[in-house]
PDB file of N, CA and C in Angstrom:
ATOM      1  N   UNK A   1       0.832  -1.126   0.031  1.00  0.00           N
ATOM      2  CA  UNK A   1      -0.012   0.001  -0.018  1.00  0.00           C
ATOM      3  C   UNK A   1       0.955   1.226   0.043  1.00  0.00           C
ATOM      4  N   UNK A   2       0.600   2.128  -0.823  1.00  0.00           N
ATOM      5  CA  UNK A   2       1.442   3.319  -1.117  1.00  0.00           C
ATOM      6  C   UNK A   2       0.854   4.390  -0.104  1.00  0.00           C
ATOM      7  N   UNK A   3       1.695   5.284   0.389  1.00  0.00           N
ATOM      8  CA  UNK A   3       1.463   6.349   1.231  1.00  0.00           C
ATOM      9  C   UNK A   3       1.769   7.747   0.551  1.00  0.00           C
ATOM     10  N   UNK A   4       0.761   8.641   0.479  1.00  0.00           N
ATOM     11  CA  UNK A   4       0.945   9.792  -0.302  1.00  0.00           C
ATOM     12  C   UNK A   4       0.552  10.885   0.748  1.00  0.00           C
ATOM     13  N   UNK A   5       1.301  12.187   0.658  1.00  0.00           N
ATOM     14  CA  UNK A   5       1.031  13.241   1.463  1.00  0.00           C
ATOM     15  C   UNK A   5       0.340  14.300   0.468  1.00  0.00           C
ATOM     16  N   UNK A   6      -0.910  14.702   0.731  1.00  0.00           N
ATOM     17  CA  UNK A   6      -1.446  15.620  -0.058  1.00  0.00           C
ATOM     18  C   UNK A   6      -1.699  16.903   0.740  1.00  0.00           C
ATOM     19  N   UNK A   7      -1.805  18.068  -0.023  1.00  0.00           N
ATOM     20  CA  UNK A   7      -2.003  19.330   0.588  1.00  0.00           C
ATOM     21  C   UNK A   7      -3.392  19.819   0.138  1.00  0.00           C
ATOM     22  N   UNK A   8      -4.046  19.998   1.105  1.00  0.00           N
ATOM     23  CA  UNK A   8      -5.621  20.549   0.894  1.00  0.00           C
ATOM     24  C   UNK A   8      -5.822  21.686   1.873  1.00  0.00           C
ATOM     25  N   UNK A   9      -6.233  22.771   1.225  1.00  0.00           N
ATOM     26  CA  UNK A   9      -6.599  23.941   2.113  1.00  0.00           C
ATOM     27  C   UNK A   9      -5.438  24.441   2.960  1.00  0.00           C
ATOM     28  N   UNK A  10      -4.307  24.244   2.556  1.00  0.00           N
ATOM     29  CA  UNK A  10      -3.143  24.640   3.219  1.00  0.00           C
ATOM     30  C   UNK A  10      -2.729  23.807   4.350  1.00  0.00           C
ATOM     31  N   UNK A  11      -3.110  22.650   4.365  1.00  0.00           N
ATOM     32  CA  UNK A  11      -2.769  21.568   5.414  1.00  0.00           C
ATOM     33  C   UNK A  11      -2.240  20.291   4.769  1.00  0.00           C
ATOM     34  N   UNK A  12      -1.321  19.686   5.243  1.00  0.00           N
ATOM     35  CA  UNK A  12      -0.781  18.415   4.621  1.00  0.00           C
ATOM     36  C   UNK A  12      -1.421  17.335   5.296  1.00  0.00           C
ATOM     37  N   UNK A  13      -1.858  16.237   4.642  1.00  0.00           N
ATOM     38  CA  UNK A  13      -2.609  15.106   5.009  1.00  0.00           C
ATOM     39  C   UNK A  13      -1.890  13.850   4.465  1.00  0.00           C
ATOM     40  N   UNK A  14      -1.360  12.959   5.342  1.00  0.00           N
ATOM     41  CA  UNK A  14      -0.858  11.638   4.821  1.00  0.00           C
ATOM     42  C   UNK A  14      -2.047  10.760   4.430  1.00  0.00           C
ATOM     43  N   UNK A  15      -2.116  10.212   3.350  1.00  0.00           N
ATOM     44  CA  UNK A  15      -3.218   9.353   2.918  1.00  0.00           C
ATOM     45  C   UNK A  15      -2.662   7.995   2.305  1.00  0.00           C
ATOM     46  N   UNK A  16      -3.235   6.980   2.666  1.00  0.00           N
ATOM     47  CA  UNK A  16      -2.789   5.606   2.040  1.00  0.00           C
ATOM     48  C   UNK A  16      -3.543   5.362   0.822  1.00  0.00           C
ATOM     49  N   UNK A  17      -3.078   4.629  -0.121  1.00  0.00           N
ATOM     50  CA  UNK A  17      -3.862   4.328  -1.298  1.00  0.00           C
ATOM     51  C   UNK A  17      -3.256   3.049  -1.880  1.00  0.00           C
ATOM     52  N   UNK A  18      -3.820   2.493  -2.904  1.00  0.00           N
ATOM     53  CA  UNK A  18      -3.375   1.283  -3.611  1.00  0.00           C
ATOM     54  C   UNK A  18      -2.069   1.634  -4.341  1.00  0.00           C
ATOM     55  N   UNK A  19      -1.281   0.835  -4.431  1.00  0.00           N
ATOM     56  CA  UNK A  19      -0.120   1.015  -5.363  1.00  0.00           C
ATOM     57  C   UNK A  19      -0.535   1.366  -6.756  1.00  0.00           C
ATOM     58  N   UNK A  20      -0.001   2.447  -7.310  1.00  0.00           N
ATOM     59  CA  UNK A  20      -0.211   2.751  -8.704  1.00  0.00           C
ATOM     60  C   UNK A  20      -1.356   3.866  -8.751  1.00  0.00           C
ATOM     61  N   UNK A  21      -1.894   4.100  -7.464  1.00  0.00           N
ATOM     62  CA  UNK A  21      -3.052   5.138  -7.555  1.00  0.00           C
ATOM     63  C   UNK A  21      -2.609   6.567  -7.002  1.00  0.00           C
ATOM     64  N   UNK A  22      -1.337   6.508  -6.851  1.00  0.00           N
ATOM     65  CA  UNK A  22      -0.875   7.850  -6.230  1.00  0.00           C
ATOM     66  C   UNK A  22      -1.278   9.063  -7.128  1.00  0.00           C
ATOM     67  N   UNK A  23      -1.048   9.143  -8.292  1.00  0.00           N
ATOM     68  CA  UNK A  23      -1.397  10.186  -9.248  1.00  0.00           C
ATOM     69  C   UNK A  23      -2.901  10.447  -9.125  1.00  0.00           C
ATOM     70  N   UNK A  24      -3.662   9.516  -9.298  1.00  0.00           N
ATOM     71  CA  UNK A  24      -5.113   9.736  -9.146  1.00  0.00           C
ATOM     72  C   UNK A  24      -5.499  10.370  -7.727  1.00  0.00           C
ATOM     73  N   UNK A  25      -4.913   9.902  -6.700  1.00  0.00           N
ATOM     74  CA  UNK A  25      -5.188  10.481  -5.423  1.00  0.00           C
ATOM     75  C   UNK A  25      -4.705  11.949  -5.278  1.00  0.00           C
ATOM     76  N   UNK A  26      -3.590  12.249  -5.817  1.00  0.00           N
ATOM     77  CA  UNK A  26      -3.065  13.652  -5.781  1.00  0.00           C
ATOM     78  C   UNK A  26      -3.959  14.578  -6.694  1.00  0.00           C
ATOM     79  N   UNK A  27      -4.602  14.018  -7.821  1.00  0.00           N
ATOM     80  CA  UNK A  27      -5.431  14.717  -8.647  1.00  0.00           C
ATOM     81  C   UNK A  27      -6.734  15.087  -7.976  1.00  0.00           C
ATOM     82  N   UNK A  28      -7.304  14.050  -7.277  1.00  0.00           N
ATOM     83  CA  UNK A  28      -8.398  14.231  -6.506  1.00  0.00           C
ATOM     84  C   UNK A  28      -8.346  15.377  -5.392  1.00  0.00           C
ATOM     85  N   UNK A  29      -7.128  15.156  -4.762  1.00  0.00           N
ATOM     86  CA  UNK A  29      -6.908  16.183  -3.666  1.00  0.00           C
ATOM     87  C   UNK A  29      -6.646  17.665  -4.215  1.00  0.00           C
ATOM     88  N   UNK A  30      -6.081  17.718  -5.404  1.00  0.00           N
ATOM     89  CA  UNK A  30      -6.035  18.971  -6.037  1.00  0.00           C
ATOM     90  C   UNK A  30      -7.383  19.535  -6.453  1.00  0.00           C
ATOM     91  N   UNK A  31      -8.258  18.808  -6.863  1.00  0.00           N
ATOM     92  CA  UNK A  31      -9.618  19.215  -7.159  1.00  0.00           C
ATOM     93  C   UNK A  31     -10.275  19.809  -5.797  1.00  0.00           C
ATOM     94  N   UNK A  32     -10.105  18.962  -4.655  1.00  0.00           N
ATOM     95  CA  UNK A  32     -10.873  19.425  -3.413  1.00  0.00           C
ATOM     96  C   UNK A  32     -10.037  20.774  -3.122  1.00  0.00           C
ATOM     97  N   UNK A  33      -8.822  20.933  -3.210  1.00  0.00           N
ATOM     98  CA  UNK A  33      -8.049  22.008  -2.823  1.00  0.00           C
ATOM     99  C   UNK A  33      -8.468  23.240  -3.680  1.00  0.00           C
ATOM    100  N   UNK A  34      -8.749  22.946  -4.997  1.00  0.00           N
ATOM    101  CA  UNK A  34      -9.335  23.951  -5.948  1.00  0.00           C
ATOM    102  C   UNK A  34     -10.669  24.563  -5.410  1.00  0.00           C
ATOM    103  N   UNK A  35     -11.444  23.760  -4.910  1.00  0.00           N
ATOM    104  CA  UNK A  35     -12.716  24.118  -4.479  1.00  0.00           C
ATOM    105  C   UNK A  35     -12.638  24.956  -3.117  1.00  0.00           C
ATOM    106  N   UNK A  36     -11.837  24.429  -2.345  1.00  0.00           N
ATOM    107  CA  UNK A  36     -11.638  25.208  -1.084  1.00  0.00           C
ATOM    108  C   UNK A  36     -11.002  26.583  -1.383  1.00  0.00           C
ATOM    109  N   UNK A  37     -10.139  26.672  -2.433  1.00  0.00           N
ATOM    110  CA  UNK A  37      -9.493  28.091  -2.886  1.00  0.00           C
ATOM    111  C   UNK A  37     -10.714  28.801  -3.363  1.00  0.00           C
ATOM    112  N   UNK A  38     -11.617  28.349  -4.057  1.00  0.00           N
ATOM    113  CA  UNK A  38     -12.828  29.099  -4.598  1.00  0.00           C
ATOM    114  C   UNK A  38     -13.751  29.627  -3.457  1.00  0.00           C
ATOM    115  N   UNK A  39     -13.829  28.789  -2.418  1.00  0.00           N
ATOM    116  CA  UNK A  39     -14.678  29.183  -1.251  1.00  0.00           C
ATOM    117  C   UNK A  39     -13.964  30.321  -0.591  1.00  0.00           C
ATOM    118  N   UNK A  40     -12.615  30.217  -0.463  1.00  0.00           N
ATOM    119  CA  UNK A  40     -11.925  31.208   0.212  1.00  0.00           C
ATOM    120  C   UNK A  40     -11.955  32.567  -0.568  1.00  0.00           C
ATOM    121  N   UNK A  41     -11.805  32.529  -1.917  1.00  0.00           N
ATOM    122  CA  UNK A  41     -11.887  33.517  -2.847  1.00  0.00           C
ATOM    123  C   UNK A  41     -13.230  34.327  -2.726  1.00  0.00           C
ATOM    124  N   UNK A  42     -14.337  33.554  -2.249  1.00  0.00           N
ATOM    125  CA  UNK A  42     -15.609  34.145  -2.056  1.00  0.00           C
ATOM    126  C   UNK A  42     -15.800  34.827  -0.728  1.00  0.00           C
ATOM    127  N   UNK A  43     -14.722  34.770  -0.016  1.00  0.00           N
ATOM    128  CA  UNK A  43     -14.720  35.436   1.298  1.00  0.00           C
ATOM    129  C   UNK A  43     -15.185  34.581   2.514  1.00  0.00           C
ATOM    130  N   UNK A  44     -15.348  33.309   2.192  1.00  0.00           N
ATOM    131  CA  UNK A  44     -15.812  32.422   3.274  1.00  0.00           C
ATOM    132  C   UNK A  44     -14.652  32.145   4.175  1.00  0.00           C
ATOM    133  N   UNK A  45     -14.797  32.239   5.507  1.00  0.00           N
ATOM    134  CA  UNK A  45     -13.818  32.232   6.485  1.00  0.00           C
ATOM    135  C   UNK A  45     -14.203  31.159   7.532  1.00  0.00           C
ATOM    136  N   UNK A  46     -13.968  29.822   7.293  1.00  0.00           N
ATOM    137  CA  UNK A  46     -14.307  28.785   8.158  1.00  0.00           C
ATOM    138  C   UNK A  46     -13.112  28.006   8.609  1.00  0.00           C
ATOM    139  N   UNK A  47     -13.390  27.194   9.522  1.00  0.00           N
ATOM    140  CA  UNK A  47     -12.186  26.215   9.932  1.00  0.00           C
ATOM    141  C   UNK A  47     -11.999  25.126   8.852  1.00  0.00           C
ATOM    142  N   UNK A  48     -10.919  24.454   8.969  1.00  0.00           N
ATOM    143  CA  UNK A  48     -10.635  23.391   8.101  1.00  0.00           C
ATOM    144  C   UNK A  48     -11.683  22.436   7.925  1.00  0.00           C
ATOM    145  N   UNK A  49     -12.303  21.956   9.014  1.00  0.00           N
ATOM    146  CA  UNK A  49     -13.280  20.891   8.919  1.00  0.00           C
ATOM    147  C   UNK A  49     -14.551  21.404   8.175  1.00  0.00           C
ATOM    148  N   UNK A  50     -14.987  22.703   8.414  1.00  0.00           N
ATOM    149  CA  UNK A  50     -16.136  23.253   7.671  1.00  0.00           C
ATOM    150  C   UNK A  50     -15.956  23.393   6.158  1.00  0.00           C
ATOM    151  N   UNK A  51     -14.625  23.872   5.888  1.00  0.00           N
ATOM    152  CA  UNK A  51     -14.269  24.093   4.416  1.00  0.00           C
ATOM    153  C   UNK A  51     -14.294  22.774   3.772  1.00  0.00           C
ATOM    154  N   UNK A  52     -13.728  21.669   4.474  1.00  0.00           N
ATOM    155  CA  UNK A  52     -13.693  20.384   3.790  1.00  0.00           C
ATOM    156  C   UNK A  52     -15.116  19.950   3.516  1.00  0.00           C
ATOM    157  N   UNK A  53     -15.981  20.167   4.587  1.00  0.00           N
ATOM    158  CA  UNK A  53     -17.312  19.781   4.441  1.00  0.00           C
ATOM    159  C   UNK A  53     -18.104  20.425   3.355  1.00  0.00           C
ATOM    160  N   UNK A  54     -17.887  21.686   3.152  1.00  0.00           N
ATOM    161  CA  UNK A  54     -18.519  22.364   1.944  1.00  0.00           C
ATOM    162  C   UNK A  54     -17.993  21.881   0.759  1.00  0.00           C
ATOM    163  N   UNK A  55     -16.681  21.658   0.637  1.00  0.00           N
ATOM    164  CA  UNK A  55     -16.168  21.216  -0.637  1.00  0.00           C
ATOM    165  C   UNK A  55     -16.694  19.754  -0.967  1.00  0.00           C
ATOM    166  N   UNK A  56     -16.736  18.944   0.140  1.00  0.00           N
ATOM    167  CA  UNK A  56     -17.323  17.580  -0.058  1.00  0.00           C
ATOM    168  C   UNK A  56     -18.824  17.633  -0.513  1.00  0.00           C
ATOM    169  N   UNK A  57     -19.550  18.507   0.046  1.00  0.00           N
ATOM    170  CA  UNK A  57     -20.979  18.561  -0.256  1.00  0.00           C
ATOM    171  C   UNK A  57     -21.159  19.202  -1.732  1.00  0.00           C
ATOM    172  N   UNK A  58     -20.242  20.023  -2.072  1.00  0.00           N
ATOM    173  CA  UNK A  58     -20.289  20.546  -3.386  1.00  0.00           C
ATOM    174  C   UNK A  58     -20.101  19.224  -4.423  1.00  0.00           C
ATOM    175  N   UNK A  59     -19.002  18.565  -4.169  1.00  0.00           N
ATOM    176  CA  UNK A  59     -18.634  17.395  -4.958  1.00  0.00           C
ATOM    177  C   UNK A  59     -19.715  16.430  -5.062  1.00  0.00           C
ATOM    178  N   UNK A  60     -20.443  16.171  -3.772  1.00  0.00           N
ATOM    179  CA  UNK A  60     -21.558  15.269  -3.714  1.00  0.00           C
ATOM    180  C   UNK A  60     -22.791  15.714  -4.568  1.00  0.00           C
ATOM    181  N   UNK A  61     -23.000  17.118  -4.620  1.00  0.00           N
ATOM    182  CA  UNK A  61     -24.068  17.621  -5.253  1.00  0.00           C
ATOM    183  C   UNK A  61     -23.766  17.370  -6.798  1.00  0.00           C
ATOM    184  N   UNK A  62     -22.540  17.625  -7.284  1.00  0.00           N
ATOM    185  CA  UNK A  62     -22.278  17.388  -8.600  1.00  0.00           C
ATOM    186  C   UNK A  62     -22.313  15.888  -9.012  1.00  0.00           C
ATOM    187  N   UNK A  63     -21.973  15.116  -8.099  1.00  0.00           N
ATOM    188  CA  UNK A  63     -21.928  13.572  -8.346  1.00  0.00           C
ATOM    189  C   UNK A  63     -23.412  13.182  -8.528  1.00  0.00           C
ATOM    190  N   UNK A  64     -24.274  13.764  -7.673  1.00  0.00           N
ATOM    191  CA  UNK A  64     -25.717  13.374  -7.734  1.00  0.00           C
ATOM    192  C   UNK A  64     -26.329  13.899  -9.002  1.00  0.00           C
ATOM    193  N   UNK A  65     -26.021  15.118  -9.487  1.00  0.00           N
ATOM    194  CA  UNK A  65     -26.457  15.709 -10.842  1.00  0.00           C
ATOM    195  C   UNK A  65     -25.930  14.747 -11.920  1.00  0.00           C
ATOM    196  N   UNK A  66     -24.691  14.303 -11.904  1.00  0.00           N
ATOM    197  CA  UNK A  66     -24.153  13.525 -12.919  1.00  0.00           C
ATOM    198  C   UNK A  66     -24.854  11.910 -12.882  1.00  0.00           C
ATOM    199  N   UNK A  67     -25.090  11.492 -11.724  1.00  0.00           N
ATOM    200  CA  UNK A  67     -25.770  10.263 -11.647  1.00  0.00           C
ATOM    201  C   UNK A  67     -27.101  10.241 -12.196  1.00  0.00           C
ATOM    202  N   UNK A  68     -27.820  11.299 -11.959  1.00  0.00           N
ATOM    203  CA  UNK A  68     -29.116  11.409 -12.525  1.00  0.00           C
ATOM    204  C   UNK A  68     -29.114  11.532 -14.048  1.00  0.00           C
ATOM    205  N   UNK A  69     -28.256  12.283 -14.450  1.00  0.00           N
ATOM    206  CA  UNK A  69     -27.999  12.480 -15.958  1.00  0.00           C
ATOM    207  C   UNK A  69     -27.722  11.123 -16.546  1.00  0.00           C
ATOM    208  N   UNK A  70     -26.801  10.490 -15.908  1.00  0.00           N
ATOM    209  CA  UNK A  70     -26.363   9.126 -16.449  1.00  0.00           C
ATOM    210  C   UNK A  70     -27.609   8.115 -16.468  1.00  0.00           C
ATOM    211  N   UNK A  71     -28.273   8.248 -15.417  1.00  0.00           N
ATOM    212  CA  UNK A  71     -29.449   7.298 -15.293  1.00  0.00           C
ATOM    213  C   UNK A  71     -30.461   7.601 -16.484  1.00  0.00           C
ATOM    214  N   UNK A  72     -30.723   8.783 -16.705  1.00  0.00           N
ATOM    215  CA  UNK A  72     -31.549   9.287 -17.870  1.00  0.00           C
ATOM    216  C   UNK A  72     -31.030   8.936 -19.220  1.00  0.00           C
ATOM    217  N   UNK A  73     -29.765   8.927 -19.327  1.00  0.00           N
ATOM    218  CA  UNK A  73     -29.213   8.483 -20.645  1.00  0.00           C
ATOM    219  C   UNK A  73     -29.226   6.961 -20.808  1.00  0.00           C
ATOM    220  N   UNK A  74     -29.150   6.285 -19.716  1.00  0.00           N
ATOM    221  CA  UNK A  74     -29.100   4.835 -19.837  1.00  0.00           C
ATOM    222  C   UNK A  74     -30.581   4.380 -20.048  1.00  0.00           C
ATOM    223  N   UNK A  75     -31.485   5.126 -19.497  1.00  0.00           N
ATOM    224  CA  UNK A  75     -32.898   4.889 -19.813  1.00  0.00           C
ATOM    225  C   UNK A  75     -33.360   5.259 -21.181  1.00  0.00           C
ATOM    226  N   UNK A  76     -32.541   5.907 -21.872  1.00  0.00           N
ATOM    227  CA  UNK A  76     -32.926   6.282 -23.277  1.00  0.00           C
ATOM    228  C   UNK A  76     -33.770   7.548 -23.386  1.00  0.00           C
ATOM    229  N   UNK A  77     -34.070   8.149 -22.223  1.00  0.00           N
ATOM    230  CA  UNK A  77     -34.978   9.249 -22.149  1.00  0.00           C
ATOM    231  C   UNK A  77     -34.231  10.516 -22.229  1.00  0.00           C
ATOM    232  N   UNK A  78     -34.909  11.595 -22.269  1.00  0.00           N
ATOM    233  CA  UNK A  78     -34.272  12.864 -22.327  1.00  0.00           C
ATOM    234  C   UNK A  78     -33.864  13.190 -20.847  1.00  0.00           C
ATOM    235  N   UNK A  79     -32.800  13.894 -20.749  1.00  0.00           N
ATOM    236  CA  UNK A  79     -32.166  14.149 -19.426  1.00  0.00           C
ATOM    237  C   UNK A  79     -32.826  15.490 -18.984  1.00  0.00           C
ATOM    238  N   UNK A  80     -33.319  15.408 -17.793  1.00  0.00           N
ATOM    239  CA  UNK A  80     -34.050  16.659 -17.174  1.00  0.00           C
ATOM    240  C   UNK A  80     -32.942  17.610 -16.929  1.00  0.00           C
ATOM    241  N   UNK A  81     -33.253  18.885 -17.289  1.00  0.00           N
ATOM    242  CA  UNK A  81     -32.295  19.963 -16.878  1.00  0.00           C
ATOM    243  C   UNK A  81     -32.192  20.059 -15.370  1.00  0.00           C
ATOM    244  N   UNK A  82     -30.966  20.546 -15.023  1.00  0.00           N
ATOM    245  CA  UNK A  82     -30.805  20.727 -13.566  1.00  0.00           C
ATOM    246  C   UNK A  82     -31.754  21.730 -12.963  1.00  0.00           C
ATOM    247  N   UNK A  83     -32.048  21.746 -11.736  1.00  0.00           N
ATOM    248  CA  UNK A  83     -33.042  22.742 -11.073  1.00  0.00           C
ATOM    249  C   UNK A  83     -32.520  24.087 -11.397  1.00  0.00           C
ATOM    250  N   UNK A  84     -33.351  25.005 -11.481  1.00  0.00           N
ATOM    251  CA  UNK A  84     -33.056  26.433 -11.715  1.00  0.00           C
ATOM    252  C   UNK A  84     -32.305  26.926 -10.493  1.00  0.00           C
ATOM    253  N   UNK A  85     -31.137  27.575 -10.698  1.00  0.00           N
ATOM    254  CA  UNK A  85     -30.316  27.967  -9.643  1.00  0.00           C
ATOM    255  C   UNK A  85     -31.143  29.025  -8.822  1.00  0.00           C
ATOM    256  N   UNK A  86     -30.878  29.047  -7.463  1.00  0.00           N
ATOM    257  CA  UNK A  86     -31.485  30.089  -6.665  1.00  0.00           C
ATOM    258  C   UNK A  86     -30.637  31.404  -6.827  1.00  0.00           C
ATOM    259  N   UNK A  87     -31.351  32.480  -6.718  1.00  0.00           N
ATOM    260  CA  UNK A  87     -30.638  33.794  -6.849  1.00  0.00           C
ATOM    261  C   UNK A  87     -29.619  33.940  -5.661  1.00  0.00           C
ATOM    262  N   UNK A  88     -28.468  34.362  -5.952  1.00  0.00           N
ATOM    263  CA  UNK A  88     -27.411  34.761  -4.906  1.00  0.00           C
ATOM    264  C   UNK A  88     -28.018  35.609  -3.873  1.00  0.00           C
ATOM    265  N   UNK A  89     -27.651  35.436  -2.708  1.00  0.00           N
ATOM    266  CA  UNK A  89     -28.166  36.302  -1.549  1.00  0.00           C
ATOM    267  C   UNK A  89     -27.657  37.711  -1.899  1.00  0.00           C
ATOM    268  N   UNK A  90     -28.427  38.674  -1.574  1.00  0.00           N
ATOM    269  CA  UNK A  90     -28.088  40.076  -1.893  1.00  0.00           C
ATOM    270  C   UNK A  90     -26.832  40.507  -1.185  1.00  0.00           C
ATOM    271  N   UNK A  91     -26.368  39.891  -0.115  1.00  0.00           N
ATOM    272  CA  UNK A  91     -25.207  40.414   0.718  1.00  0.00           C
ATOM    273  C   UNK A  91     -24.053  39.654   0.316  1.00  0.00           C
ATOM    274  N   UNK A  92     -24.080  38.686  -0.780  1.00  0.00           N
ATOM    275  CA  UNK A  92     -22.904  38.047  -1.156  1.00  0.00           C
ATOM    276  C   UNK A  92     -22.525  38.391  -2.645  1.00  0.00           C
ATOM    277  N   UNK A  93     -21.423  39.045  -2.988  1.00  0.00           N
ATOM    278  CA  UNK A  93     -20.933  39.478  -4.223  1.00  0.00           C
ATOM    279  C   UNK A  93     -19.817  38.572  -4.641  1.00  0.00           C
ATOM    280  N   UNK A  94     -19.959  37.881  -5.711  1.00  0.00           N
ATOM    281  CA  UNK A  94     -18.841  36.936  -6.010  1.00  0.00           C
ATOM    282  C   UNK A  94     -17.510  37.819  -6.274  1.00  0.00           C
ATOM    283  N   UNK A  95     -16.449  37.186  -5.913  1.00  0.00           N
ATOM    284  CA  UNK A  95     -15.154  37.881  -6.142  1.00  0.00           C
ATOM    285  C   UNK A  95     -14.828  37.908  -7.558  1.00  0.00           C
ATOM    286  N   UNK A  96     -13.990  38.667  -8.006  1.00  0.00           N
ATOM    287  CA  UNK A  96     -13.767  38.968  -9.414  1.00  0.00           C
ATOM    288  C   UNK A  96     -12.965  37.491  -9.942  1.00  0.00           C
ATOM    289  N   UNK A  97     -13.436  37.019 -11.008  1.00  0.00           N
ATOM    290  CA  UNK A  97     -13.072  35.664 -11.605  1.00  0.00           C
ATOM    291  C   UNK A  97     -13.646  34.413 -10.999  1.00  0.00           C
ATOM    292  N   UNK A  98     -14.533  34.521 -10.134  1.00  0.00           N
ATOM    293  CA  UNK A  98     -15.283  33.532  -9.547  1.00  0.00           C
ATOM    294  C   UNK A  98     -16.588  33.299 -10.328  1.00  0.00           C
ATOM    295  N   UNK A  99     -16.795  31.990 -10.724  1.00  0.00           N
ATOM    296  CA  UNK A  99     -17.952  31.722 -11.457  1.00  0.00           C
ATOM    297  C   UNK A  99     -19.271  31.918 -10.788  1.00  0.00           C
ATOM    298  N   UNK A 100     -20.275  32.765 -11.334  1.00  0.00           N
ATOM    299  CA  UNK A 100     -21.415  32.953 -10.649  1.00  0.00           C
ATOM    300  C   UNK A 100     -22.283  31.751 -10.402  1.00  0.00           C
ATOM    301  N   UNK A 101     -22.183  30.735 -11.383  1.00  0.00           N
ATOM    302  CA  UNK A 101     -22.925  29.431 -11.110  1.00  0.00           C
ATOM    303  C   UNK A 101     -22.346  28.726  -9.817  1.00  0.00           C
ATOM    304  N   UNK A 102     -21.079  28.806  -9.669  1.00  0.00           N
ATOM    305  CA  UNK A 102     -20.466  28.198  -8.559  1.00  0.00           C
ATOM    306  C   UNK A 102     -21.049  28.876  -7.205  1.00  0.00           C
ATOM    307  N   UNK A 103     -21.071  30.224  -7.315  1.00  0.00           N
ATOM    308  CA  UNK A 103     -21.704  30.950  -6.053  1.00  0.00           C
ATOM    309  C   UNK A 103     -23.083  30.453  -5.814  1.00  0.00           C
ATOM    310  N   UNK A 104     -23.819  30.387  -6.840  1.00  0.00           N
ATOM    311  CA  UNK A 104     -25.270  29.881  -6.644  1.00  0.00           C
ATOM    312  C   UNK A 104     -25.351  28.443  -6.009  1.00  0.00           C
ATOM    313  N   UNK A 105     -24.513  27.656  -6.557  1.00  0.00           N
ATOM    314  CA  UNK A 105     -24.486  26.204  -6.120  1.00  0.00           C
ATOM    315  C   UNK A 105     -24.073  26.170  -4.698  1.00  0.00           C
ATOM    316  N   UNK A 106     -22.922  26.868  -4.340  1.00  0.00           N
ATOM    317  CA  UNK A 106     -22.510  26.938  -3.039  1.00  0.00           C
ATOM    318  C   UNK A 106     -23.476  27.429  -2.068  1.00  0.00           C
ATOM    319  N   UNK A 107     -24.223  28.450  -2.578  1.00  0.00           N
ATOM    320  CA  UNK A 107     -25.287  29.008  -1.668  1.00  0.00           C
ATOM    321  C   UNK A 107     -26.299  27.959  -1.343  1.00  0.00           C
ATOM    322  N   UNK A 108     -26.688  27.100  -2.406  1.00  0.00           N
ATOM    323  CA  UNK A 108     -27.729  26.035  -2.214  1.00  0.00           C
ATOM    324  C   UNK A 108     -27.086  25.017  -1.099  1.00  0.00           C
ATOM    325  N   UNK A 109     -25.821  24.741  -1.318  1.00  0.00           N
ATOM    326  CA  UNK A 109     -25.140  23.687  -0.336  1.00  0.00           C
ATOM    327  C   UNK A 109     -25.192  24.364   0.951  1.00  0.00           C
ATOM    328  N   UNK A 110     -24.920  25.584   1.160  1.00  0.00           N
ATOM    329  CA  UNK A 110     -24.709  26.196   2.387  1.00  0.00           C
ATOM    330  C   UNK A 110     -26.172  26.216   3.191  1.00  0.00           C
ATOM    331  N   UNK A 111     -27.228  26.381   2.279  1.00  0.00           N
ATOM    332  CA  UNK A 111     -28.568  26.369   2.840  1.00  0.00           C
ATOM    333  C   UNK A 111     -28.950  24.884   3.323  1.00  0.00           C
ATOM    334  N   UNK A 112     -28.538  23.935   2.632  1.00  0.00           N
ATOM    335  CA  UNK A 112     -28.770  22.571   3.059  1.00  0.00           C
ATOM    336  C   UNK A 112     -28.007  22.320   4.321  1.00  0.00           C
ATOM    337  N   UNK A 113     -26.736  22.779   4.368  1.00  0.00           N
ATOM    338  CA  UNK A 113     -25.877  22.558   5.631  1.00  0.00           C
ATOM    339  C   UNK A 113     -26.612  23.178   6.820  1.00  0.00           C
ATOM    340  N   UNK A 114     -27.157  24.419   6.677  1.00  0.00           N
ATOM    341  CA  UNK A 114     -27.729  25.190   7.746  1.00  0.00           C
ATOM    342  C   UNK A 114     -29.053  24.411   8.185  1.00  0.00           C
ATOM    343  N   UNK A 115     -29.724  23.858   7.144  1.00  0.00           N
ATOM    344  CA  UNK A 115     -30.972  23.049   7.574  1.00  0.00           C
ATOM    345  C   UNK A 115     -30.685  21.781   8.258  1.00  0.00           C
ATOM    346  N   UNK A 116     -29.531  21.070   7.920  1.00  0.00           N
ATOM    347  CA  UNK A 116     -29.064  19.961   8.653  1.00  0.00           C
ATOM    348  C   UNK A 116     -28.670  20.406  10.099  1.00  0.00           C
ATOM    349  N   UNK A 117     -27.831  21.468  10.154  1.00  0.00           N
ATOM    350  CA  UNK A 117     -27.411  21.909  11.496  1.00  0.00           C
ATOM    351  C   UNK A 117     -28.553  22.305  12.306  1.00  0.00           C
ATOM    352  N   UNK A 118     -29.582  22.827  11.810  1.00  0.00           N
ATOM    353  CA  UNK A 118     -30.749  23.253  12.667  1.00  0.00           C
ATOM    354  C   UNK A 118     -31.453  22.022  13.229  1.00  0.00           C
ATOM    355  N   UNK A 119     -31.491  20.988  12.442  1.00  0.00           N
ATOM    356  CA  UNK A 119     -32.131  19.774  12.776  1.00  0.00           C
ATOM    357  C   UNK A 119     -31.289  19.103  13.894  1.00  0.00           C
ATOM    358  N   UNK A 120     -30.015  19.221  13.824  1.00  0.00           N
ATOM    359  CA  UNK A 120     -29.194  18.488  14.773  1.00  0.00           C
ATOM    360  C   UNK A 120     -29.171  19.270  16.103  1.00  0.00           C
ATOM    361  N   UNK A 121     -29.413  20.572  16.004  1.00  0.00           N
ATOM    362  CA  UNK A 121     -29.482  21.527  17.252  1.00  0.00           C
ATOM    363  C   UNK A 121     -30.800  21.597  17.907  1.00  0.00           C
ATOM    364  N   UNK A 122     -31.797  21.058  17.171  1.00  0.00           N
ATOM    365  CA  UNK A 122     -33.126  21.172  17.753  1.00  0.00           C
ATOM    366  C   UNK A 122     -33.226  20.125  18.934  1.00  0.00           C
ATOM    367  N   UNK A 123     -33.953  20.520  19.907  1.00  0.00           N
ATOM    368  CA  UNK A 123     -34.141  19.659  21.236  1.00  0.00           C
ATOM    369  C   UNK A 123     -34.935  18.363  20.933  1.00  0.00           C
TER     370      UNK A 123
END
């Protein structure tokens, strides 16, 4: 088993992987790091755990969209368009060079996180 140290969000993390999968693992870590960088560029200032959670939820959201699209293609039917993005909150202006679609998607993910947190905090 190979051992790789990846750098995500400014922190180094040793991770084990199957021999020969080192490059794939570092590529995946680079994708997560890119998403954390985009979150930071939008002005989000959270701890490492929350940033990793937001990046993971964003990736899970995209995976879900792709799985739905793939299922539609396999079924031979038309692929349903993704849900219309919610408007960005008025107090959040995307940083220069940040994709507005990414801002809307992250806003939806953040709303989902807040709903989950509210459920967990309820008596």
